[in-house]
C-alpha atoms as a PDB file:
ATOM      1  CA  MET A   1     185.146 351.661 -35.355  1.00  0.00           C
ATOM      2  CA  GLU A   2     184.683 351.058 -39.083  1.00  0.00           C
ATOM      3  CA  ALA A   3     184.345 347.539 -40.420  1.00  0.00           C
ATOM      4  CA  ASP A   4     186.988 346.216 -42.786  1.00  0.00           C
ATOM      5  CA  PRO A   5     185.506 346.357 -46.343  1.00  0.00           C
ATOM      6  CA  ILE A   6     186.921 342.960 -47.271  1.00  0.00           C
ATOM      7  CA  ARG A   7     185.521 341.301 -44.155  1.00  0.00           C
ATOM      8  CA  GLU A   8     182.207 343.046 -44.751  1.00  0.00           C
ATOM      9  CA  HIS A   9     182.069 341.638 -48.299  1.00  0.00           C
ATOM     10  CA  GLU A  10     182.864 338.133 -47.064  1.00  0.00           C
ATOM     11  CA  LEU A  11     179.967 338.318 -44.654  1.00  0.00           C
ATOM     12  CA  MET A  12     177.615 339.450 -47.414  1.00  0.00           C
ATOM     13  CA  MET A  13     178.198 336.348 -49.577  1.00  0.00           C
ATOM     14  CA  THR A  14     175.335 333.930 -49.106  1.00  0.00           C
ATOM     15  CA  ARG A  15     175.456 330.167 -49.300  1.00  0.00           C
ATOM     16  CA  ARG A  16     173.731 330.276 -52.684  1.00  0.00           C
ATOM     17  CA  GLN A  17     176.354 332.698 -54.047  1.00  0.00           C
ATOM     18  CA  PHE A  18     179.167 330.505 -52.770  1.00  0.00           C
ATOM     19  CA  PHE A  19     177.862 327.367 -54.490  1.00  0.00           C
ATOM     20  CA  GLY A  20     177.107 329.388 -57.634  1.00  0.00           C
ATOM     21  CA  ARG A  21     180.749 330.414 -57.873  1.00  0.00           C
ATOM     22  CA  ALA A  22     182.105 326.997 -56.883  1.00  0.00           C
ATOM     23  CA  ARG A  23     180.176 325.159 -59.621  1.00  0.00           C
ATOM     24  CA  LEU A  24     182.298 326.791 -62.330  1.00  0.00           C
ATOM     25  CA  GLY A  25     185.489 325.245 -60.985  1.00  0.00           C
ATOM     26  CA  VAL A  26     183.921 321.849 -60.429  1.00  0.00           C
ATOM     27  CA  GLY A  27     182.348 321.912 -63.898  1.00  0.00           C
ATOM     28  CA  THR A  28     185.666 322.697 -65.545  1.00  0.00           C
ATOM     29  CA  ALA A  29     187.378 319.836 -63.726  1.00  0.00           C
ATOM     30  CA  ALA A  30     184.571 317.441 -64.680  1.00  0.00           C
ATOM     31  CA  LEU A  31     184.741 318.459 -68.350  1.00  0.00           C
ATOM     32  CA  ALA A  32     188.503 317.915 -68.423  1.00  0.00           C
ATOM     33  CA  GLY A  33     187.994 314.441 -66.972  1.00  0.00           C
ATOM     34  CA  LEU A  34     185.319 313.566 -69.531  1.00  0.00           C
ATOM     35  CA  LEU A  35     187.298 314.755 -72.545  1.00  0.00           C
ATOM     36  CA  GLY A  36     190.411 312.909 -71.405  1.00  0.00           C
ATOM     37  CA  PRO A  37     193.466 312.602 -73.632  1.00  0.00           C
ATOM     38  CA  ALA A  38     191.539 313.453 -76.814  1.00  0.00           C
ATOM     39  CA  PHE A  39     192.045 317.159 -76.190  1.00  0.00           C
ATOM     40  CA  SER A  40     195.382 317.096 -74.389  1.00  0.00           C
ATOM     41  CA  ALA A  41     198.618 318.399 -75.870  1.00  0.00           C
ATOM     42  CA  GLY A  42     200.539 316.087 -78.188  1.00  0.00           C
ATOM     43  CA  PRO A  43     203.952 314.603 -77.488  1.00  0.00           C
ATOM     44  CA  ASN A  44     207.015 316.825 -77.422  1.00  0.00           C
ATOM     45  CA  GLN A  45     208.399 317.236 -80.947  1.00  0.00           C
ATOM     46  CA  GLY A  46     211.945 317.999 -79.798  1.00  0.00           C
ATOM     47  CA  THR A  47     213.864 321.197 -80.463  1.00  0.00           C
ATOM     48  CA  THR A  48     213.229 323.815 -83.121  1.00  0.00           C
ATOM     49  CA  HIS A  49     214.994 323.814 -86.485  1.00  0.00           C
ATOM     50  CA  HIS A  50     217.138 326.837 -85.564  1.00  0.00           C
ATOM     51  CA  ARG A  51     219.102 327.874 -82.511  1.00  0.00           C
ATOM     52  CA  SER A  52     217.209 330.244 -80.234  1.00  0.00           C
ATOM     53  CA  ARG A  53     218.724 333.646 -79.524  1.00  0.00           C
ATOM     54  CA  ALA A  54     217.259 335.948 -76.901  1.00  0.00           C
ATOM     55  CA  LYS A  55     216.543 339.432 -78.251  1.00  0.00           C
ATOM     56  CA  ARG A  56     214.680 340.748 -75.233  1.00  0.00           C
ATOM     57  CA  VAL A  57     214.114 339.697 -71.653  1.00  0.00           C
ATOM     58  CA  ILE A  58     210.920 339.851 -69.649  1.00  0.00           C
ATOM     59  CA  TYR A  59     211.802 339.641 -65.991  1.00  0.00           C
ATOM     60  CA  LEU A  60     209.008 339.028 -63.529  1.00  0.00           C
ATOM     61  CA  PHE A  61     209.529 340.391 -60.050  1.00  0.00           C
ATOM     62  CA  MET A  62     209.446 337.668 -57.459  1.00  0.00           C
ATOM     63  CA  GLU A  63     210.151 338.296 -53.835  1.00  0.00           C
ATOM     64  CA  GLY A  64     213.602 337.011 -53.057  1.00  0.00           C
ATOM     65  CA  GLY A  65     214.779 337.160 -56.676  1.00  0.00           C
ATOM     66  CA  PRO A  66     218.081 338.805 -57.661  1.00  0.00           C
ATOM     67  CA  SER A  67     218.047 342.589 -57.854  1.00  0.00           C
ATOM     68  CA  GLN A  68     218.515 344.652 -61.015  1.00  0.00           C
ATOM     69  CA  HIS A  69     221.978 345.556 -59.758  1.00  0.00           C
ATOM     70  CA  ASP A  70     222.906 341.872 -59.635  1.00  0.00           C
ATOM     71  CA  LEU A  71     221.507 341.133 -63.077  1.00  0.00           C
ATOM     72  CA  TRP A  72     222.562 344.013 -65.327  1.00  0.00           C
ATOM     73  CA  ASP A  73     225.186 346.190 -63.669  1.00  0.00           C
ATOM     74  CA  TYR A  74     228.486 344.320 -63.526  1.00  0.00           C
ATOM     75  CA  LYS A  75     230.921 345.833 -61.041  1.00  0.00           C
ATOM     76  CA  PRO A  76     234.105 343.732 -60.938  1.00  0.00           C
ATOM     77  CA  LYS A  77     235.728 345.835 -58.162  1.00  0.00           C
ATOM     78  CA  MET A  78     232.920 345.099 -55.698  1.00  0.00           C
ATOM     79  CA  ARG A  79     234.582 341.838 -54.641  1.00  0.00           C
ATOM     80  CA  GLU A  80     237.797 343.710 -53.760  1.00  0.00           C
ATOM     81  CA  PHE A  81     235.967 346.089 -51.417  1.00  0.00           C
ATOM     82  CA  ALA A  82     233.759 343.458 -49.747  1.00  0.00           C
ATOM     83  CA  GLY A  83     233.314 344.273 -46.047  1.00  0.00           C
ATOM     84  CA  ALA A  84     235.134 347.621 -46.287  1.00  0.00           C
ATOM     85  CA  GLU A  85     233.536 350.822 -45.010  1.00  0.00           C
ATOM     86  CA  LEU A  86     231.521 352.788 -47.559  1.00  0.00           C
ATOM     87  CA  PRO A  87     233.537 355.869 -48.638  1.00  0.00           C
ATOM     88  CA  PRO A  88     231.838 359.223 -47.852  1.00  0.00           C
ATOM     89  CA  HIS A  89     232.118 360.418 -51.470  1.00  0.00           C
ATOM     90  CA  ILE A  90     229.789 357.604 -52.560  1.00  0.00           C
ATOM     91  CA  ARG A  91     227.097 358.632 -50.100  1.00  0.00           C
ATOM     92  CA  ASP A  92     227.535 362.184 -51.416  1.00  0.00           C
ATOM     93  CA  GLY A  93     226.341 363.809 -48.203  1.00  0.00           C
ATOM     94  CA  GLN A  94     223.127 361.793 -47.933  1.00  0.00           C
ATOM     95  CA  ARG A  95     222.154 361.183 -44.356  1.00  0.00           C
ATOM     96  CA  VAL A  96     221.860 357.672 -43.073  1.00  0.00           C
ATOM     97  CA  THR A  97     218.305 356.536 -42.340  1.00  0.00           C
ATOM     98  CA  GLY A  98     217.281 354.517 -39.326  1.00  0.00           C
ATOM     99  CA  MET A  99     216.967 351.383 -41.431  1.00  0.00           C
ATOM    100  CA  SER A 100     220.478 351.628 -42.858  1.00  0.00           C
ATOM    101  CA  LYS A 101     222.228 352.854 -39.723  1.00  0.00           C
ATOM    102  CA  GLY A 102     225.220 350.676 -39.019  1.00  0.00           C
ATOM    103  CA  THR A 103     225.154 349.056 -42.473  1.00  0.00           C
ATOM    104  CA  LEU A 104     227.756 351.197 -44.188  1.00  0.00           C
ATOM    105  CA  LYS A 105     229.861 348.311 -45.444  1.00  0.00           C
ATOM    106  CA  VAL A 106     230.276 347.355 -49.085  1.00  0.00           C
ATOM    107  CA  MET A 107     228.480 344.140 -49.946  1.00  0.00           C
ATOM    108  CA  PRO A 108     229.038 342.507 -53.338  1.00  0.00           C
ATOM    109  CA  SER A 109     226.406 340.431 -55.059  1.00  0.00           C
ATOM    110  CA  GLU A 110     226.021 336.849 -53.923  1.00  0.00           C
ATOM    111  CA  TYR A 111     225.341 335.841 -57.531  1.00  0.00           C
ATOM    112  CA  SER A 112     227.989 335.362 -60.207  1.00  0.00           C
ATOM    113  CA  PHE A 113     227.695 337.579 -63.273  1.00  0.00           C
ATOM    114  CA  SER A 114     227.574 336.113 -66.782  1.00  0.00           C
ATOM    115  CA  GLN A 115     227.411 338.051 -70.042  1.00  0.00           C
ATOM    116  CA  TYR A 116     225.021 336.472 -72.559  1.00  0.00           C
END
């Protein structure tokens, strides 16, 4: 039986290596405490002089976040067909996998769509 490479690496770290790595974090925290408010960010200056307009969107994937379908692809008829059986022409002859067996009902997005 082969050893797990991650577990093997954890076992190889010595006490000296651990404290050598930990001192960087402790040193940073100590320096921040010594410098105090002299190097902290200033007070909030309020809003900008012009109205912001989004030109592009960077969306970070987070588990549990809304899907691309929910965000960008507005389908107003989905609410009408909620709970109805999926028509065969939509599946286009694709076979049903074990994971999706018995889930052939139309399900609209739980989020409301807004055009910005």
